[in-house]
Amino acid sequence: EYDYPQENKFTDKGAVAFAQKLRKVQNLELVYLSFAECKKIGDKTLRKISDSLVQLPKIREILLSFFGCPEVTSDGVADLAAALKKMKELKRAEFNFKKCQVTEKDISNLEKSLKSNCESTIYHKLEKEEEEEENQ
């Protein structure tokens, strides 16, 4: 894991404004956004980013990190899953929801929302949690 030197102060308000501008870039094929350690980022941001992604018809690859965003919950992941179902050109998706309020069921639903020809990686547990599960 990357060690973030200080808390990121980016908020939902700034991210929502960014998402509204994002939808205007119609030629976009790759979206890589990291909101890592943005403690004030939550479901509102994920909802607006998801809404914007659906309006970008050429998106082939998405990498989104909400690592360390405790305000991201099941509701935000459900919004993303709904958006992914509409993205016909998507070939690769990578998401990081470690240190978020996301459940196994949320991750399963997110995986199901991806088209069968879409390669995906979803991180949602810290390595320590994964090791504990393996040892049980």
N, C-alpha and C. Protein backbone atom coordinates (compact mmCIF):
# COMPACT_ATOMS: atom_id res chain seq x y z
N GLU A 1 0.83 -1.18 0.00
CA GLU A 1 0.00 0.00 0.00
C GLU A 1 0.88 1.25 0.00
N TYR A 2 0.40 2.24 -0.67
CA TYR A 2 1.08 3.53 -0.70
C TYR A 2 0.83 4.27 0.61
N ASP A 3 1.85 4.89 1.14
CA ASP A 3 1.72 5.63 2.38
C ASP A 3 1.44 7.09 2.05
N TYR A 4 0.21 7.52 2.27
CA TYR A 4 -0.17 8.89 1.97
C TYR A 4 0.32 9.79 3.09
N PRO A 5 1.10 10.83 2.75
CA PRO A 5 1.75 11.64 3.77
C PRO A 5 0.80 12.47 4.63
N GLN A 6 -0.36 12.80 4.11
CA GLN A 6 -1.32 13.57 4.89
C GLN A 6 -2.73 13.28 4.38
N GLU A 7 -3.69 13.64 5.17
CA GLU A 7 -5.07 13.43 4.77
C GLU A 7 -5.40 14.33 3.59
N ASN A 8 -6.02 13.75 2.59
CA ASN A 8 -6.46 14.50 1.43
C ASN A 8 -7.75 15.23 1.79
N LYS A 9 -7.84 16.49 1.51
CA LYS A 9 -8.98 17.29 1.92
C LYS A 9 -10.00 17.49 0.81
N PHE A 10 -9.86 16.77 -0.28
CA PHE A 10 -10.81 16.84 -1.38
C PHE A 10 -12.17 16.36 -0.87
N THR A 11 -13.25 17.03 -1.26
CA THR A 11 -14.57 16.72 -0.73
C THR A 11 -15.55 16.32 -1.84
N ASP A 12 -16.73 15.88 -1.42
CA ASP A 12 -17.79 15.55 -2.38
C ASP A 12 -18.09 16.74 -3.28
N LYS A 13 -18.10 17.93 -2.73
CA LYS A 13 -18.44 19.12 -3.51
C LYS A 13 -17.48 19.29 -4.69
N GLY A 14 -16.20 19.17 -4.45
CA GLY A 14 -15.21 19.28 -5.52
C GLY A 14 -15.30 18.14 -6.51
N ALA A 15 -15.53 16.94 -6.00
CA ALA A 15 -15.62 15.77 -6.87
C ALA A 15 -16.86 15.82 -7.75
N VAL A 16 -17.97 16.33 -7.22
CA VAL A 16 -19.20 16.46 -8.00
C VAL A 16 -18.99 17.47 -9.14
N ALA A 17 -18.33 18.57 -8.84
CA ALA A 17 -18.03 19.57 -9.88
C ALA A 17 -17.14 18.94 -10.96
N PHE A 18 -16.17 18.15 -10.54
CA PHE A 18 -15.30 17.46 -11.49
C PHE A 18 -16.11 16.50 -12.36
N ALA A 19 -16.99 15.73 -11.74
CA ALA A 19 -17.80 14.75 -12.48
C ALA A 19 -18.66 15.42 -13.54
N GLN A 20 -19.18 16.59 -13.24
CA GLN A 20 -20.00 17.31 -14.22
C GLN A 20 -19.17 17.73 -15.42
N LYS A 21 -17.92 18.08 -15.22
CA LYS A 21 -17.02 18.42 -16.34
C LYS A 21 -16.60 17.17 -17.09
N LEU A 22 -16.41 16.07 -16.38
CA LEU A 22 -15.97 14.82 -16.98
C LEU A 22 -16.89 14.36 -18.10
N ARG A 23 -18.18 14.49 -17.90
CA ARG A 23 -19.14 14.00 -18.89
C ARG A 23 -19.07 14.74 -20.22
N LYS A 24 -18.38 15.86 -20.26
CA LYS A 24 -18.26 16.64 -21.50
C LYS A 24 -17.12 16.17 -22.39
N VAL A 25 -16.29 15.27 -21.89
CA VAL A 25 -15.13 14.77 -22.65
C VAL A 25 -15.56 13.50 -23.39
N GLN A 26 -16.27 13.66 -24.46
CA GLN A 26 -16.91 12.55 -25.17
C GLN A 26 -15.94 11.56 -25.81
N ASN A 27 -14.70 11.94 -26.08
CA ASN A 27 -13.74 11.03 -26.72
C ASN A 27 -12.97 10.18 -25.73
N LEU A 28 -13.24 10.33 -24.47
CA LEU A 28 -12.50 9.63 -23.43
C LEU A 28 -12.66 8.11 -23.54
N GLU A 29 -11.53 7.39 -23.54
CA GLU A 29 -11.56 5.93 -23.59
C GLU A 29 -11.05 5.31 -22.30
N LEU A 30 -10.24 6.04 -21.55
CA LEU A 30 -9.65 5.55 -20.30
C LEU A 30 -9.94 6.56 -19.19
N VAL A 31 -10.45 6.06 -18.08
CA VAL A 31 -10.66 6.90 -16.91
C VAL A 31 -9.92 6.28 -15.74
N TYR A 32 -8.96 7.03 -15.21
CA TYR A 32 -8.24 6.61 -14.02
C TYR A 32 -8.40 7.70 -12.99
N LEU A 33 -9.13 7.42 -11.93
CA LEU A 33 -9.37 8.40 -10.87
C LEU A 33 -9.05 7.77 -9.51
N SER A 34 -8.26 8.49 -8.75
CA SER A 34 -7.97 8.03 -7.41
C SER A 34 -8.42 9.08 -6.40
N PHE A 35 -9.32 8.66 -5.53
CA PHE A 35 -9.77 9.49 -4.43
C PHE A 35 -9.22 8.91 -3.12
N ALA A 36 -8.10 8.22 -3.22
CA ALA A 36 -7.51 7.53 -2.07
C ALA A 36 -7.30 8.48 -0.89
N GLU A 37 -7.73 7.99 0.28
CA GLU A 37 -7.58 8.71 1.55
C GLU A 37 -8.32 10.04 1.58
N CYS A 38 -9.30 10.21 0.73
CA CYS A 38 -10.16 11.40 0.78
C CYS A 38 -11.29 11.08 1.76
N LYS A 39 -11.08 11.41 3.00
CA LYS A 39 -12.03 11.04 4.06
C LYS A 39 -13.40 11.68 3.90
N LYS A 40 -13.48 12.75 3.12
CA LYS A 40 -14.75 13.47 2.94
C LYS A 40 -15.44 13.12 1.62
N ILE A 41 -14.94 12.11 0.96
CA ILE A 41 -15.55 11.63 -0.28
C ILE A 41 -16.47 10.47 0.07
N GLY A 42 -17.67 10.47 -0.51
CA GLY A 42 -18.62 9.41 -0.19
C GLY A 42 -19.48 9.00 -1.36
N ASP A 43 -20.65 8.50 -1.03
CA ASP A 43 -21.57 7.97 -2.04
C ASP A 43 -22.00 9.02 -3.06
N LYS A 44 -22.11 10.25 -2.64
CA LYS A 44 -22.52 11.32 -3.57
C LYS A 44 -21.52 11.41 -4.73
N THR A 45 -20.24 11.34 -4.41
CA THR A 45 -19.21 11.38 -5.45
C THR A 45 -19.31 10.16 -6.35
N LEU A 46 -19.44 8.99 -5.76
CA LEU A 46 -19.52 7.76 -6.55
C LEU A 46 -20.74 7.79 -7.47
N ARG A 47 -21.85 8.31 -6.98
CA ARG A 47 -23.07 8.43 -7.78
C ARG A 47 -22.85 9.36 -8.98
N LYS A 48 -22.24 10.52 -8.75
CA LYS A 48 -22.03 11.49 -9.83
C LYS A 48 -20.99 11.00 -10.84
N ILE A 49 -19.94 10.36 -10.35
CA ILE A 49 -18.95 9.78 -11.27
C ILE A 49 -19.61 8.71 -12.12
N SER A 50 -20.43 7.86 -11.50
CA SER A 50 -21.13 6.80 -12.23
C SER A 50 -22.06 7.39 -13.29
N ASP A 51 -22.80 8.42 -12.93
CA ASP A 51 -23.70 9.10 -13.88
C ASP A 51 -22.91 9.65 -15.07
N SER A 52 -21.75 10.21 -14.80
CA SER A 52 -20.92 10.78 -15.87
C SER A 52 -20.34 9.69 -16.77
N LEU A 53 -19.90 8.59 -16.18
CA LEU A 53 -19.31 7.51 -16.97
C LEU A 53 -20.30 6.95 -17.99
N VAL A 54 -21.54 6.83 -17.60
CA VAL A 54 -22.58 6.30 -18.50
C VAL A 54 -22.73 7.19 -19.73
N GLN A 55 -22.46 8.47 -19.59
CA GLN A 55 -22.63 9.40 -20.69
C GLN A 55 -21.40 9.50 -21.60
N LEU A 56 -20.41 8.67 -21.33
CA LEU A 56 -19.19 8.65 -22.15
C LEU A 56 -19.16 7.35 -22.94
N PRO A 57 -19.65 7.38 -24.18
CA PRO A 57 -19.86 6.14 -24.95
C PRO A 57 -18.61 5.38 -25.35
N LYS A 58 -17.44 5.99 -25.31
CA LYS A 58 -16.23 5.33 -25.79
C LYS A 58 -15.36 4.72 -24.69
N ILE A 59 -15.81 4.80 -23.46
CA ILE A 59 -15.00 4.29 -22.33
C ILE A 59 -14.75 2.79 -22.51
N ARG A 60 -13.46 2.44 -22.52
CA ARG A 60 -13.07 1.04 -22.64
C ARG A 60 -12.41 0.53 -21.35
N GLU A 61 -11.88 1.46 -20.58
CA GLU A 61 -11.15 1.05 -19.37
C GLU A 61 -11.39 2.06 -18.25
N ILE A 62 -11.68 1.51 -17.06
CA ILE A 62 -11.92 2.34 -15.88
C ILE A 62 -11.07 1.81 -14.73
N LEU A 63 -10.39 2.71 -14.07
CA LEU A 63 -9.68 2.39 -12.84
C LEU A 63 -10.11 3.44 -11.81
N LEU A 64 -10.81 3.01 -10.79
CA LEU A 64 -11.29 3.92 -9.75
C LEU A 64 -10.80 3.44 -8.39
N SER A 65 -10.20 4.35 -7.64
CA SER A 65 -9.77 4.00 -6.29
C SER A 65 -10.47 4.90 -5.27
N PHE A 66 -11.13 4.24 -4.33
CA PHE A 66 -11.73 4.92 -3.20
C PHE A 66 -11.10 4.38 -1.91
N PHE A 67 -9.85 3.93 -2.02
CA PHE A 67 -9.11 3.39 -0.88
C PHE A 67 -9.13 4.41 0.26
N GLY A 68 -9.56 3.96 1.43
CA GLY A 68 -9.53 4.82 2.60
C GLY A 68 -10.59 5.91 2.61
N CYS A 69 -11.69 5.69 1.91
CA CYS A 69 -12.81 6.64 1.89
C CYS A 69 -13.96 6.01 2.69
N PRO A 70 -13.99 6.21 3.99
CA PRO A 70 -14.97 5.52 4.83
C PRO A 70 -16.42 5.93 4.59
N GLU A 71 -16.64 7.00 3.86
CA GLU A 71 -18.01 7.44 3.56
C GLU A 71 -18.58 6.75 2.33
N VAL A 72 -17.77 5.93 1.64
CA VAL A 72 -18.26 5.15 0.50
C VAL A 72 -18.90 3.88 1.07
N THR A 73 -20.17 3.66 0.71
CA THR A 73 -20.94 2.55 1.28
C THR A 73 -21.59 1.72 0.17
N SER A 74 -22.43 0.81 0.60
CA SER A 74 -23.18 -0.05 -0.31
C SER A 74 -23.99 0.75 -1.33
N ASP A 75 -24.54 1.88 -0.91
CA ASP A 75 -25.36 2.69 -1.82
C ASP A 75 -24.53 3.20 -3.00
N GLY A 76 -23.34 3.69 -2.73
CA GLY A 76 -22.49 4.18 -3.80
C GLY A 76 -22.07 3.07 -4.75
N VAL A 77 -21.75 1.92 -4.21
CA VAL A 77 -21.35 0.77 -5.04
C VAL A 77 -22.54 0.31 -5.90
N ALA A 78 -23.74 0.37 -5.36
CA ALA A 78 -24.94 0.01 -6.14
C ALA A 78 -25.13 0.97 -7.31
N ASP A 79 -24.86 2.26 -7.10
CA ASP A 79 -24.95 3.23 -8.20
C ASP A 79 -23.93 2.91 -9.28
N LEU A 80 -22.72 2.55 -8.88
CA LEU A 80 -21.68 2.19 -9.84
C LEU A 80 -22.08 0.94 -10.61
N ALA A 81 -22.60 -0.06 -9.92
CA ALA A 81 -23.03 -1.30 -10.57
C ALA A 81 -24.11 -1.02 -11.62
N ALA A 82 -25.06 -0.16 -11.30
CA ALA A 82 -26.12 0.19 -12.25
C ALA A 82 -25.53 0.86 -13.49
N ALA A 83 -24.55 1.71 -13.29
CA ALA A 83 -23.91 2.39 -14.42
C ALA A 83 -23.13 1.40 -15.29
N LEU A 84 -22.42 0.48 -14.66
CA LEU A 84 -21.60 -0.47 -15.41
C LEU A 84 -22.45 -1.33 -16.36
N LYS A 85 -23.66 -1.64 -15.96
CA LYS A 85 -24.55 -2.44 -16.82
C LYS A 85 -24.85 -1.76 -18.14
N LYS A 86 -24.74 -0.44 -18.17
CA LYS A 86 -25.07 0.33 -19.37
C LYS A 86 -23.85 0.62 -20.25
N MET A 87 -22.67 0.25 -19.80
CA MET A 87 -21.45 0.60 -20.51
C MET A 87 -21.04 -0.53 -21.45
N LYS A 88 -21.46 -0.41 -22.69
CA LYS A 88 -21.30 -1.48 -23.67
C LYS A 88 -19.87 -1.69 -24.16
N GLU A 89 -19.06 -0.66 -24.17
CA GLU A 89 -17.70 -0.75 -24.72
C GLU A 89 -16.63 -1.10 -23.67
N LEU A 90 -17.02 -1.20 -22.43
CA LEU A 90 -16.07 -1.43 -21.35
C LEU A 90 -15.39 -2.81 -21.47
N LYS A 91 -14.05 -2.80 -21.48
CA LYS A 91 -13.27 -4.03 -21.61
C LYS A 91 -12.46 -4.35 -20.37
N ARG A 92 -12.17 -3.34 -19.56
CA ARG A 92 -11.37 -3.56 -18.36
C ARG A 92 -11.83 -2.61 -17.26
N ALA A 93 -11.96 -3.15 -16.05
CA ALA A 93 -12.37 -2.34 -14.91
C ALA A 93 -11.57 -2.77 -13.68
N GLU A 94 -11.08 -1.79 -12.96
CA GLU A 94 -10.37 -2.05 -11.72
C GLU A 94 -10.88 -1.06 -10.67
N PHE A 95 -11.25 -1.61 -9.51
CA PHE A 95 -11.80 -0.79 -8.44
C PHE A 95 -11.11 -1.13 -7.13
N ASN A 96 -10.90 -0.10 -6.31
CA ASN A 96 -10.33 -0.31 -4.99
C ASN A 96 -11.27 0.29 -3.96
N PHE A 97 -11.85 -0.58 -3.15
CA PHE A 97 -12.76 -0.17 -2.08
C PHE A 97 -12.23 -0.59 -0.71
N LYS A 98 -10.91 -0.75 -0.59
CA LYS A 98 -10.33 -1.08 0.70
C LYS A 98 -10.56 0.09 1.66
N LYS A 99 -10.86 -0.26 2.90
CA LYS A 99 -11.12 0.72 3.97
C LYS A 99 -12.37 1.55 3.68
N CYS A 100 -13.33 0.97 2.97
CA CYS A 100 -14.63 1.59 2.73
C CYS A 100 -15.69 0.75 3.45
N GLN A 101 -16.91 1.24 3.49
CA GLN A 101 -18.01 0.52 4.13
C GLN A 101 -18.74 -0.33 3.09
N VAL A 102 -18.04 -1.32 2.55
CA VAL A 102 -18.53 -2.14 1.46
C VAL A 102 -18.54 -3.60 1.88
N THR A 103 -19.59 -4.33 1.52
CA THR A 103 -19.73 -5.73 1.92
C THR A 103 -19.36 -6.69 0.79
N GLU A 104 -19.24 -7.96 1.14
CA GLU A 104 -19.01 -9.00 0.14
C GLU A 104 -20.14 -9.02 -0.90
N LYS A 105 -21.37 -8.84 -0.43
CA LYS A 105 -22.52 -8.82 -1.34
C LYS A 105 -22.42 -7.66 -2.33
N ASP A 106 -21.97 -6.51 -1.87
CA ASP A 106 -21.78 -5.35 -2.75
C ASP A 106 -20.78 -5.68 -3.86
N ILE A 107 -19.68 -6.31 -3.47
CA ILE A 107 -18.64 -6.66 -4.44
C ILE A 107 -19.17 -7.69 -5.42
N SER A 108 -19.90 -8.67 -4.94
CA SER A 108 -20.49 -9.68 -5.80
C SER A 108 -21.44 -9.05 -6.82
N ASN A 109 -22.28 -8.12 -6.37
CA ASN A 109 -23.21 -7.44 -7.28
C ASN A 109 -22.46 -6.59 -8.30
N LEU A 110 -21.37 -5.98 -7.86
CA LEU A 110 -20.55 -5.18 -8.77
C LEU A 110 -19.94 -6.07 -9.86
N GLU A 111 -19.42 -7.22 -9.46
CA GLU A 111 -18.86 -8.17 -10.43
C GLU A 111 -19.92 -8.64 -11.42
N LYS A 112 -21.12 -8.91 -10.95
CA LYS A 112 -22.21 -9.37 -11.81
C LYS A 112 -22.64 -8.31 -12.81
N SER A 113 -22.44 -7.05 -12.47
CA SER A 113 -22.88 -5.97 -13.35
C SER A 113 -21.97 -5.78 -14.55
N LEU A 114 -20.78 -6.36 -14.50
CA LEU A 114 -19.84 -6.24 -15.61
C LEU A 114 -20.17 -7.24 -16.71
N LYS A 115 -19.98 -6.82 -17.94
CA LYS A 115 -20.21 -7.71 -19.08
C LYS A 115 -19.22 -8.88 -19.02
N SER A 116 -19.58 -9.99 -19.61
CA SER A 116 -18.74 -11.19 -19.54
C SER A 116 -17.39 -10.99 -20.24
N ASN A 117 -17.30 -10.07 -21.19
CA ASN A 117 -16.04 -9.85 -21.89
C ASN A 117 -15.20 -8.74 -21.26
N CYS A 118 -15.54 -8.35 -20.04
CA CYS A 118 -14.83 -7.29 -19.34
C CYS A 118 -13.92 -7.89 -18.28
N GLU A 119 -12.64 -7.64 -18.41
CA GLU A 119 -11.66 -8.09 -17.41
C GLU A 119 -11.79 -7.18 -16.19
N SER A 120 -11.82 -7.77 -15.01
CA SER A 120 -12.01 -6.92 -13.83
C SER A 120 -11.17 -7.37 -12.64
N THR A 121 -10.82 -6.39 -11.82
CA THR A 121 -10.15 -6.61 -10.56
C THR A 121 -10.80 -5.68 -9.55
N ILE A 122 -11.22 -6.24 -8.42
CA ILE A 122 -11.85 -5.43 -7.39
C ILE A 122 -11.17 -5.72 -6.05
N TYR A 123 -10.61 -4.68 -5.48
CA TYR A 123 -9.97 -4.79 -4.17
C TYR A 123 -10.93 -4.22 -3.14
N HIS A 124 -11.12 -4.96 -2.05
CA HIS A 124 -11.99 -4.43 -1.00
C HIS A 124 -11.58 -4.85 0.40
N LYS A 125 -10.60 -5.67 0.51
CA LYS A 125 -10.11 -6.06 1.83
C LYS A 125 -8.63 -5.77 1.92
N LEU A 126 -8.19 -5.48 3.11
CA LEU A 126 -6.76 -5.33 3.35
C LEU A 126 -6.13 -6.71 3.40
N GLU A 127 -4.86 -6.81 3.07
CA GLU A 127 -4.19 -8.10 3.05
C GLU A 127 -4.34 -8.84 4.38
N LYS A 128 -4.30 -8.11 5.48
CA LYS A 128 -4.44 -8.71 6.80
C LYS A 128 -5.79 -9.42 6.95
N GLU A 129 -6.86 -8.77 6.45
CA GLU A 129 -8.19 -9.39 6.52
C GLU A 129 -8.26 -10.65 5.67
N GLU A 130 -7.62 -10.61 4.48
CA GLU A 130 -7.63 -11.77 3.61
C GLU A 130 -6.89 -12.94 4.26
N GLU A 131 -5.75 -12.65 4.92
CA GLU A 131 -4.99 -13.70 5.59
C GLU A 131 -5.81 -14.32 6.73
N GLU A 132 -6.52 -13.48 7.47
CA GLU A 132 -7.34 -13.98 8.58
C GLU A 132 -8.43 -14.93 8.07
N GLU A 133 -9.04 -14.59 6.94
CA GLU A 133 -10.08 -15.45 6.37
C GLU A 133 -9.50 -16.78 5.93
N GLU A 134 -8.31 -16.75 5.33
CA GLU A 134 -7.66 -17.97 4.86
C GLU A 134 -7.31 -18.89 6.03
N ASN A 135 -6.97 -18.33 7.17
CA ASN A 135 -6.56 -19.11 8.33
C ASN A 135 -7.73 -19.66 9.13
N GLN A 136 -8.93 -19.28 8.80
CA GLN A 136 -10.10 -19.76 9.55
C GLN A 136 -10.57 -21.10 9.03
